[in-house]
PDB file of N, CA and C in Angstrom:
ATOM      1  N   UNK A   1      31.731  66.749   8.827  1.00  0.00           N
ATOM      2  CA  UNK A   1      30.747  65.842   8.260  1.00  0.00           C
ATOM      3  C   UNK A   1      31.367  64.458   8.108  1.00  0.00           C
ATOM      4  N   UNK A   2      30.514  63.505   8.201  1.00  0.00           N
ATOM      5  CA  UNK A   2      30.945  62.127   8.062  1.00  0.00           C
ATOM      6  C   UNK A   2      31.145  61.813   6.577  1.00  0.00           C
ATOM      7  N   UNK A   3      32.141  61.020   6.259  1.00  0.00           N
ATOM      8  CA  UNK A   3      32.446  60.671   4.875  1.00  0.00           C
ATOM      9  C   UNK A   3      31.325  59.828   4.257  1.00  0.00           C
ATOM     10  N   UNK A   4      30.639  59.035   5.048  1.00  0.00           N
ATOM     11  CA  UNK A   4      29.525  58.225   4.545  1.00  0.00           C
ATOM     12  C   UNK A   4      28.373  59.103   4.068  1.00  0.00           C
ATOM     13  N   UNK A   5      28.116  60.200   4.747  1.00  0.00           N
ATOM     14  CA  UNK A   5      27.037  61.107   4.358  1.00  0.00           C
ATOM     15  C   UNK A   5      27.361  61.752   3.014  1.00  0.00           C
ATOM     16  N   UNK A   6      28.582  62.177   2.823  1.00  0.00           N
ATOM     17  CA  UNK A   6      28.996  62.795   1.560  1.00  0.00           C
ATOM     18  C   UNK A   6      28.921  61.789   0.428  1.00  0.00           C
ATOM     19  N   UNK A   7      29.391  60.548   0.667  1.00  0.00           N
ATOM     20  CA  UNK A   7      29.335  59.508  -0.355  1.00  0.00           C
ATOM     21  C   UNK A   7      27.888  59.173  -0.721  1.00  0.00           C
ATOM     22  N   UNK A   8      27.015  59.065   0.271  1.00  0.00           N
ATOM     23  CA  UNK A   8      25.601  58.767   0.019  1.00  0.00           C
ATOM     24  C   UNK A   8      24.935  59.900  -0.762  1.00  0.00           C
ATOM     25  N   UNK A   9      25.250  61.141  -0.415  1.00  0.00           N
ATOM     26  CA  UNK A   9      24.693  62.285  -1.140  1.00  0.00           C
ATOM     27  C   UNK A   9      25.139  62.292  -2.601  1.00  0.00           C
ATOM     28  N   UNK A  10      26.420  62.031  -2.851  1.00  0.00           N
ATOM     29  CA  UNK A  10      26.943  61.987  -4.223  1.00  0.00           C
ATOM     30  C   UNK A  10      26.304  60.844  -5.000  1.00  0.00           C
ATOM     31  N   UNK A  11      26.164  59.694  -4.362  1.00  0.00           N
ATOM     32  CA  UNK A  11      25.528  58.555  -5.029  1.00  0.00           C
ATOM     33  C   UNK A  11      24.062  58.854  -5.345  1.00  0.00           C
ATOM     34  N   UNK A  12      23.381  59.541  -4.443  1.00  0.00           N
ATOM     35  CA  UNK A  12      21.986  59.926  -4.688  1.00  0.00           C
ATOM     36  C   UNK A  12      21.854  60.889  -5.860  1.00  0.00           C
ATOM     37  N   UNK A  13      22.787  61.834  -5.958  1.00  0.00           N
ATOM     38  CA  UNK A  13      22.760  62.774  -7.092  1.00  0.00           C
ATOM     39  C   UNK A  13      23.014  62.059  -8.414  1.00  0.00           C
ATOM     40  N   UNK A  14      23.948  61.133  -8.420  1.00  0.00           N
ATOM     41  CA  UNK A  14      24.235  60.373  -9.648  1.00  0.00           C
ATOM     42  C   UNK A  14      23.028  59.532 -10.034  1.00  0.00           C
ATOM     43  N   UNK A  15      22.404  58.888  -9.048  1.00  0.00           N
ATOM     44  CA  UNK A  15      21.221  58.077  -9.314  1.00  0.00           C
ATOM     45  C   UNK A  15      20.065  58.935  -9.825  1.00  0.00           C
ATOM     46  N   UNK A  16      19.882  60.113  -9.255  1.00  0.00           N
ATOM     47  CA  UNK A  16      18.833  61.031  -9.708  1.00  0.00           C
ATOM     48  C   UNK A  16      19.083  61.472 -11.151  1.00  0.00           C
ATOM     49  N   UNK A  17      20.340  61.745 -11.492  1.00  0.00           N
ATOM     50  CA  UNK A  17      20.692  62.130 -12.851  1.00  0.00           C
ATOM     51  C   UNK A  17      20.390  61.004 -13.836  1.00  0.00           C
ATOM     52  N   UNK A  18      20.741  59.765 -13.478  1.00  0.00           N
ATOM     53  CA  UNK A  18      20.497  58.638 -14.376  1.00  0.00           C
ATOM     54  C   UNK A  18      19.005  58.382 -14.578  1.00  0.00           C
ATOM     55  N   UNK A  19      18.223  58.487 -13.517  1.00  0.00           N
ATOM     56  CA  UNK A  19      16.771  58.283 -13.634  1.00  0.00           C
ATOM     57  C   UNK A  19      16.158  59.377 -14.508  1.00  0.00           C
ATOM     58  N   UNK A  20      16.586  60.625 -14.317  1.00  0.00           N
ATOM     59  CA  UNK A  20      16.064  61.724 -15.137  1.00  0.00           C
ATOM     60  C   UNK A  20      16.426  61.529 -16.596  1.00  0.00           C
ATOM     61  N   UNK A  21      17.637  61.059 -16.869  1.00  0.00           N
ATOM     62  CA  UNK A  21      18.053  60.826 -18.254  1.00  0.00           C
ATOM     63  C   UNK A  21      17.220  59.709 -18.892  1.00  0.00           C
ATOM     64  N   UNK A  22      16.916  58.665 -18.123  1.00  0.00           N
ATOM     65  CA  UNK A  22      16.093  57.579 -18.651  1.00  0.00           C
ATOM     66  C   UNK A  22      14.657  58.012 -18.909  1.00  0.00           C
ATOM     67  N   UNK A  23      14.137  58.910 -18.101  1.00  0.00           N
ATOM     68  CA  UNK A  23      12.745  59.340 -18.269  1.00  0.00           C
ATOM     69  C   UNK A  23      12.588  60.381 -19.367  1.00  0.00           C
ATOM     70  N   UNK A  24      13.536  61.292 -19.500  1.00  0.00           N
ATOM     71  CA  UNK A  24      13.382  62.377 -20.459  1.00  0.00           C
ATOM     72  C   UNK A  24      13.888  62.030 -21.851  1.00  0.00           C
ATOM     73  N   UNK A  25      14.629  60.953 -22.011  1.00  0.00           N
ATOM     74  CA  UNK A  25      15.092  60.528 -23.329  1.00  0.00           C
ATOM     75  C   UNK A  25      13.942  60.195 -24.264  1.00  0.00           C
ATOM     76  N   UNK A  26      13.036  59.292 -23.856  1.00  0.00           N
ATOM     77  CA  UNK A  26      11.888  58.971 -24.717  1.00  0.00           C
ATOM     78  C   UNK A  26      10.955  60.161 -24.939  1.00  0.00           C
ATOM     79  N   UNK A  27      10.844  61.050 -23.962  1.00  0.00           N
ATOM     80  CA  UNK A  27       9.991  62.227 -24.147  1.00  0.00           C
ATOM     81  C   UNK A  27      10.527  63.129 -25.251  1.00  0.00           C
ATOM     82  N   UNK A  28      11.833  63.201 -25.380  1.00  0.00           N
ATOM     83  CA  UNK A  28      12.428  64.003 -26.450  1.00  0.00           C
ATOM     84  C   UNK A  28      12.088  63.416 -27.819  1.00  0.00           C
ATOM     85  N   UNK A  29      12.108  62.087 -27.919  1.00  0.00           N
ATOM     86  CA  UNK A  29      11.768  61.432 -29.187  1.00  0.00           C
ATOM     87  C   UNK A  29      10.296  61.661 -29.520  1.00  0.00           C
ATOM     88  N   UNK A  30       9.434  61.540 -28.539  1.00  0.00           N
ATOM     89  CA  UNK A  30       7.996  61.771 -28.758  1.00  0.00           C
ATOM     90  C   UNK A  30       7.752  63.225 -29.155  1.00  0.00           C
ATOM     91  N   UNK A  31       8.436  64.141 -28.509  1.00  0.00           N
ATOM     92  CA  UNK A  31       8.305  65.554 -28.864  1.00  0.00           C
ATOM     93  C   UNK A  31       8.742  65.829 -30.286  1.00  0.00           C
ATOM     94  N   UNK A  32       9.827  65.189 -30.711  1.00  0.00           N
ATOM     95  CA  UNK A  32      10.297  65.371 -32.086  1.00  0.00           C
ATOM     96  C   UNK A  32       9.295  64.799 -33.083  1.00  0.00           C
ATOM     97  N   UNK A  33       8.688  63.642 -32.757  1.00  0.00           N
ATOM     98  CA  UNK A  33       7.670  63.066 -33.636  1.00  0.00           C
ATOM     99  C   UNK A  33       6.447  63.966 -33.746  1.00  0.00           C
ATOM    100  N   UNK A  34       6.024  64.537 -32.631  1.00  0.00           N
ATOM    101  CA  UNK A  34       4.872  65.441 -32.654  1.00  0.00           C
ATOM    102  C   UNK A  34       5.195  66.682 -33.480  1.00  0.00           C
ATOM    103  N   UNK A  35       6.398  67.234 -33.312  1.00  0.00           N
ATOM    104  CA  UNK A  35       6.799  68.416 -34.070  1.00  0.00           C
ATOM    105  C   UNK A  35       6.841  68.113 -35.568  1.00  0.00           C
ATOM    106  N   UNK A  36       7.414  66.958 -35.961  1.00  0.00           N
ATOM    107  CA  UNK A  36       7.446  66.575 -37.374  1.00  0.00           C
ATOM    108  C   UNK A  36       6.039  66.393 -37.927  1.00  0.00           C
ATOM    109  N   UNK A  37       5.168  65.787 -37.151  1.00  0.00           N
ATOM    110  CA  UNK A  37       3.791  65.567 -37.613  1.00  0.00           C
ATOM    111  C   UNK A  37       3.067  66.891 -37.806  1.00  0.00           C
ATOM    112  N   UNK A  38       3.256  67.827 -36.891  1.00  0.00           N
ATOM    113  CA  UNK A  38       2.601  69.132 -37.032  1.00  0.00           C
ATOM    114  C   UNK A  38       3.109  69.883 -38.262  1.00  0.00           C
ATOM    115  N   UNK A  39       4.425  69.939 -38.421  1.00  0.00           N
ATOM    116  CA  UNK A  39       4.975  70.640 -39.587  1.00  0.00           C
ATOM    117  C   UNK A  39       4.562  69.973 -40.894  1.00  0.00           C
ATOM    118  N   UNK A  40       4.608  68.655 -40.925  1.00  0.00           N
ATOM    119  CA  UNK A  40       4.206  67.931 -42.131  1.00  0.00           C
ATOM    120  C   UNK A  40       2.731  68.108 -42.436  1.00  0.00           C
ATOM    121  N   UNK A  41       1.887  68.091 -41.404  1.00  0.00           N
ATOM    122  CA  UNK A  41       0.454  68.291 -41.609  1.00  0.00           C
ATOM    123  C   UNK A  41       0.132  69.674 -42.125  1.00  0.00           C
ATOM    124  N   UNK A  42       0.805  70.683 -41.589  1.00  0.00           N
ATOM    125  CA  UNK A  42       0.597  72.060 -42.073  1.00  0.00           C
ATOM    126  C   UNK A  42       1.042  72.178 -43.520  1.00  0.00           C
ATOM    127  N   UNK A  43       2.199  71.602 -43.847  1.00  0.00           N
ATOM    128  CA  UNK A  43       2.678  71.663 -45.233  1.00  0.00           C
ATOM    129  C   UNK A  43       1.747  70.912 -46.172  1.00  0.00           C
ATOM    130  N   UNK A  44       1.233  69.765 -45.730  1.00  0.00           N
ATOM    131  CA  UNK A  44       0.283  69.012 -46.554  1.00  0.00           C
ATOM    132  C   UNK A  44      -0.985  69.821 -46.799  1.00  0.00           C
ATOM    133  N   UNK A  45      -1.477  70.506 -45.776  1.00  0.00           N
ATOM    134  CA  UNK A  45      -2.649  71.356 -45.922  1.00  0.00           C
ATOM    135  C   UNK A  45      -2.374  72.509 -46.889  1.00  0.00           C
ATOM    136  N   UNK A  46      -1.231  73.149 -46.746  1.00  0.00           N
ATOM    137  CA  UNK A  46      -0.878  74.279 -47.625  1.00  0.00           C
ATOM    138  C   UNK A  46      -0.747  73.804 -49.065  1.00  0.00           C
ATOM    139  N   UNK A  47      -0.131  72.651 -49.259  1.00  0.00           N
ATOM    140  CA  UNK A  47       0.009  72.124 -50.626  1.00  0.00           C
ATOM    141  C   UNK A  47      -1.364  71.834 -51.223  1.00  0.00           C
ATOM    142  N   UNK A  48      -2.279  71.280 -50.449  1.00  0.00           N
ATOM    143  CA  UNK A  48      -3.608  70.976 -50.968  1.00  0.00           C
ATOM    144  C   UNK A  48      -4.411  72.236 -51.254  1.00  0.00           C
ATOM    145  N   UNK A  49      -4.267  73.276 -50.430  1.00  0.00           N
ATOM    146  CA  UNK A  49      -5.020  74.511 -50.648  1.00  0.00           C
ATOM    147  C   UNK A  49      -4.433  75.294 -51.814  1.00  0.00           C
ATOM    148  N   UNK A  50      -3.141  75.517 -51.798  1.00  0.00           N
ATOM    149  CA  UNK A  50      -2.495  76.315 -52.849  1.00  0.00           C
ATOM    150  C   UNK A  50      -2.357  75.501 -54.130  1.00  0.00           C
ATOM    151  N   UNK A  51      -1.998  74.242 -53.991  1.00  0.00           N
ATOM    152  CA  UNK A  51      -1.802  73.409 -55.175  1.00  0.00           C
ATOM    153  C   UNK A  51      -3.081  73.049 -55.886  1.00  0.00           C
ATOM    154  N   UNK A  52      -4.222  73.188 -55.220  1.00  0.00           N
ATOM    155  CA  UNK A  52      -5.497  72.901 -55.869  1.00  0.00           C
ATOM    156  C   UNK A  52      -5.750  73.810 -57.059  1.00  0.00           C
ATOM    157  N   UNK A  53      -5.177  75.002 -57.037  1.00  0.00           N
ATOM    158  CA  UNK A  53      -5.328  75.939 -58.151  1.00  0.00           C
ATOM    159  C   UNK A  53      -4.531  75.520 -59.380  1.00  0.00           C
ATOM    160  N   UNK A  54      -3.456  74.775 -59.184  1.00  0.00           N
ATOM    161  CA  UNK A  54      -2.606  74.383 -60.315  1.00  0.00           C
ATOM    162  C   UNK A  54      -2.668  72.884 -60.586  1.00  0.00           C
ATOM    163  N   UNK A  55      -3.579  72.177 -59.934  1.00  0.00           N
ATOM    164  CA  UNK A  55      -3.758  70.752 -60.192  1.00  0.00           C
ATOM    165  C   UNK A  55      -2.864  69.852 -59.355  1.00  0.00           C
ATOM    166  N   UNK A  56      -2.316  70.358 -58.294  1.00  0.00           N
ATOM    167  CA  UNK A  56      -1.460  69.570 -57.415  1.00  0.00           C
ATOM    168  C   UNK A  56      -2.243  69.232 -56.157  1.00  0.00           C
ATOM    169  N   UNK A  57      -2.443  67.941 -55.910  1.00  0.00           N
ATOM    170  CA  UNK A  57      -3.251  67.530 -54.773  1.00  0.00           C
ATOM    171  C   UNK A  57      -2.687  66.236 -54.201  1.00  0.00           C
ATOM    172  N   UNK A  58      -2.485  66.194 -52.890  1.00  0.00           N
ATOM    173  CA  UNK A  58      -2.100  64.966 -52.203  1.00  0.00           C
ATOM    174  C   UNK A  58      -3.295  64.510 -51.372  1.00  0.00           C
ATOM    175  N   UNK A  59      -3.834  63.344 -51.665  1.00  0.00           N
ATOM    176  CA  UNK A  59      -5.016  62.894 -50.909  1.00  0.00           C
ATOM    177  C   UNK A  59      -4.646  62.606 -49.463  1.00  0.00           C
ATOM    178  N   UNK A  60      -5.583  62.842 -48.586  1.00  0.00           N
ATOM    179  CA  UNK A  60      -5.379  62.559 -47.175  1.00  0.00           C
ATOM    180  C   UNK A  60      -6.032  61.221 -46.857  1.00  0.00           C
ATOM    181  N   UNK A  61      -5.204  60.206 -46.673  1.00  0.00           N
ATOM    182  CA  UNK A  61      -5.654  58.873 -46.303  1.00  0.00           C
ATOM    183  C   UNK A  61      -4.710  58.331 -45.233  1.00  0.00           C
ATOM    184  N   UNK A  62      -4.975  57.143 -44.694  1.00  0.00           N
ATOM    185  CA  UNK A  62      -4.120  56.646 -43.615  1.00  0.00           C
ATOM    186  C   UNK A  62      -2.642  56.508 -44.003  1.00  0.00           C
ATOM    187  N   UNK A  63      -2.360  56.136 -45.234  1.00  0.00           N
ATOM    188  CA  UNK A  63      -0.963  55.972 -45.652  1.00  0.00           C
ATOM    189  C   UNK A  63      -0.251  57.324 -45.702  1.00  0.00           C
ATOM    190  N   UNK A  64      -0.862  58.312 -46.310  1.00  0.00           N
ATOM    191  CA  UNK A  64      -0.215  59.628 -46.367  1.00  0.00           C
ATOM    192  C   UNK A  64      -0.110  60.244 -44.976  1.00  0.00           C
ATOM    193  N   UNK A  65      -1.105  59.999 -44.127  1.00  0.00           N
ATOM    194  CA  UNK A  65      -1.050  60.533 -42.768  1.00  0.00           C
ATOM    195  C   UNK A  65       0.105  59.904 -41.983  1.00  0.00           C
ATOM    196  N   UNK A  66       0.316  58.605 -42.141  1.00  0.00           N
ATOM    197  CA  UNK A  66       1.428  57.952 -41.450  1.00  0.00           C
ATOM    198  C   UNK A  66       2.782  58.423 -41.971  1.00  0.00           C
ATOM    199  N   UNK A  67       2.911  58.537 -43.290  1.00  0.00           N
ATOM    200  CA  UNK A  67       4.183  58.987 -43.866  1.00  0.00           C
ATOM    201  C   UNK A  67       4.502  60.401 -43.405  1.00  0.00           C
ATOM    202  N   UNK A  68       3.516  61.274 -43.471  1.00  0.00           N
ATOM    203  CA  UNK A  68       3.727  62.661 -43.042  1.00  0.00           C
ATOM    204  C   UNK A  68       3.928  62.725 -41.530  1.00  0.00           C
ATOM    205  N   UNK A  69       3.227  61.897 -40.777  1.00  0.00           N
ATOM    206  CA  UNK A  69       3.362  61.901 -39.330  1.00  0.00           C
ATOM    207  C   UNK A  69       4.735  61.472 -38.857  1.00  0.00           C
ATOM    208  N   UNK A  70       5.309  60.468 -39.483  1.00  0.00           N
ATOM    209  CA  UNK A  70       6.620  59.989 -39.067  1.00  0.00           C
ATOM    210  C   UNK A  70       7.761  60.796 -39.667  1.00  0.00           C
ATOM    211  N   UNK A  71       7.644  61.184 -40.910  1.00  0.00           N
ATOM    212  CA  UNK A  71       8.762  61.839 -41.584  1.00  0.00           C
ATOM    213  C   UNK A  71       8.669  63.355 -41.615  1.00  0.00           C
ATOM    214  N   UNK A  72       7.472  63.902 -41.463  1.00  0.00           N
ATOM    215  CA  UNK A  72       7.325  65.356 -41.468  1.00  0.00           C
ATOM    216  C   UNK A  72       7.465  65.932 -42.863  1.00  0.00           C
ATOM    217  N   UNK A  73       8.225  67.005 -42.982  1.00  0.00           N
ATOM    218  CA  UNK A  73       8.400  67.691 -44.266  1.00  0.00           C
ATOM    219  C   UNK A  73       9.054  66.785 -45.313  1.00  0.00           C
ATOM    220  N   UNK A  74      10.106  66.006 -44.976  1.00  0.00           N
ATOM    221  CA  UNK A  74      10.630  65.077 -45.986  1.00  0.00           C
ATOM    222  C   UNK A  74       9.590  64.059 -46.451  1.00  0.00           C
ATOM    223  N   UNK A  75       8.641  63.701 -45.595  1.00  0.00           N
ATOM    224  CA  UNK A  75       7.578  62.792 -46.002  1.00  0.00           C
ATOM    225  C   UNK A  75       6.655  63.407 -47.036  1.00  0.00           C
ATOM    226  N   UNK A  76       6.358  64.698 -46.885  1.00  0.00           N
ATOM    227  CA  UNK A  76       5.529  65.396 -47.874  1.00  0.00           C
ATOM    228  C   UNK A  76       6.264  65.461 -49.203  1.00  0.00           C
ATOM    229  N   UNK A  77       7.553  65.760 -49.154  1.00  0.00           N
ATOM    230  CA  UNK A  77       8.350  65.811 -50.385  1.00  0.00           C
ATOM    231  C   UNK A  77       8.405  64.435 -51.037  1.00  0.00           C
ATOM    232  N   UNK A  78       8.561  63.390 -50.225  1.00  0.00           N
ATOM    233  CA  UNK A  78       8.554  62.028 -50.753  1.00  0.00           C
ATOM    234  C   UNK A  78       7.233  61.702 -51.438  1.00  0.00           C
ATOM    235  N   UNK A  79       6.123  62.089 -50.835  1.00  0.00           N
ATOM    236  CA  UNK A  79       4.818  61.835 -51.445  1.00  0.00           C
ATOM    237  C   UNK A  79       4.648  62.605 -52.754  1.00  0.00           C
ATOM    238  N   UNK A  80       5.149  63.841 -52.789  1.00  0.00           N
ATOM    239  CA  UNK A  80       5.077  64.614 -54.025  1.00  0.00           C
ATOM    240  C   UNK A  80       5.893  63.963 -55.135  1.00  0.00           C
ATOM    241  N   UNK A  81       7.083  63.479 -54.797  1.00  0.00           N
ATOM    242  CA  UNK A  81       7.927  62.821 -55.797  1.00  0.00           C
ATOM    243  C   UNK A  81       7.284  61.528 -56.270  1.00  0.00           C
ATOM    244  N   UNK A  82       6.732  60.754 -55.340  1.00  0.00           N
ATOM    245  CA  UNK A  82       6.060  59.511 -55.727  1.00  0.00           C
ATOM    246  C   UNK A  82       4.837  59.777 -56.606  1.00  0.00           C
ATOM    247  N   UNK A  83       4.095  60.817 -56.298  1.00  0.00           N
ATOM    248  CA  UNK A  83       2.935  61.155 -57.127  1.00  0.00           C
ATOM    249  C   UNK A  83       3.386  61.590 -58.525  1.00  0.00           C
ATOM    250  N   UNK A  84       4.472  62.342 -58.607  1.00  0.00           N
ATOM    251  CA  UNK A  84       4.990  62.769 -59.906  1.00  0.00           C
ATOM    252  C   UNK A  84       5.470  61.576 -60.725  1.00  0.00           C
ATOM    253  N   UNK A  85       6.114  60.610 -60.072  1.00  0.00           N
ATOM    254  CA  UNK A  85       6.615  59.444 -60.790  1.00  0.00           C
ATOM    255  C   UNK A  85       5.497  58.494 -61.212  1.00  0.00           C
ATOM    256  N   UNK A  86       4.399  58.447 -60.457  1.00  0.00           N
ATOM    257  CA  UNK A  86       3.303  57.539 -60.766  1.00  0.00           C
ATOM    258  C   UNK A  86       2.405  58.079 -61.874  1.00  0.00           C
ATOM    259  N   UNK A  87       2.379  59.377 -62.053  1.00  0.00           N
ATOM    260  CA  UNK A  87       1.472  59.971 -63.047  1.00  0.00           C
ATOM    261  C   UNK A  87       2.106  60.034 -64.379  1.00  0.00           C
TER     262      UNK A  87
END
């Protein structure tokens, strides 16, 4: 085999790896955000359903949705702490 063919093949593999890394990096971040939003939304729903019996309620509005969407479970805990401190 010619040395140029081997060098071109190796360069193509490296370039393919770099392009794949650039494309899948942001997808991993988006996937993590979606996962946090789902877990936080489920926890917020459970807190509202179960906590309604004991007087614990987190209203669902754009601010709470954004906090829970970005932070997930820690966002729900943050909202609970803020509600406790405000009352």
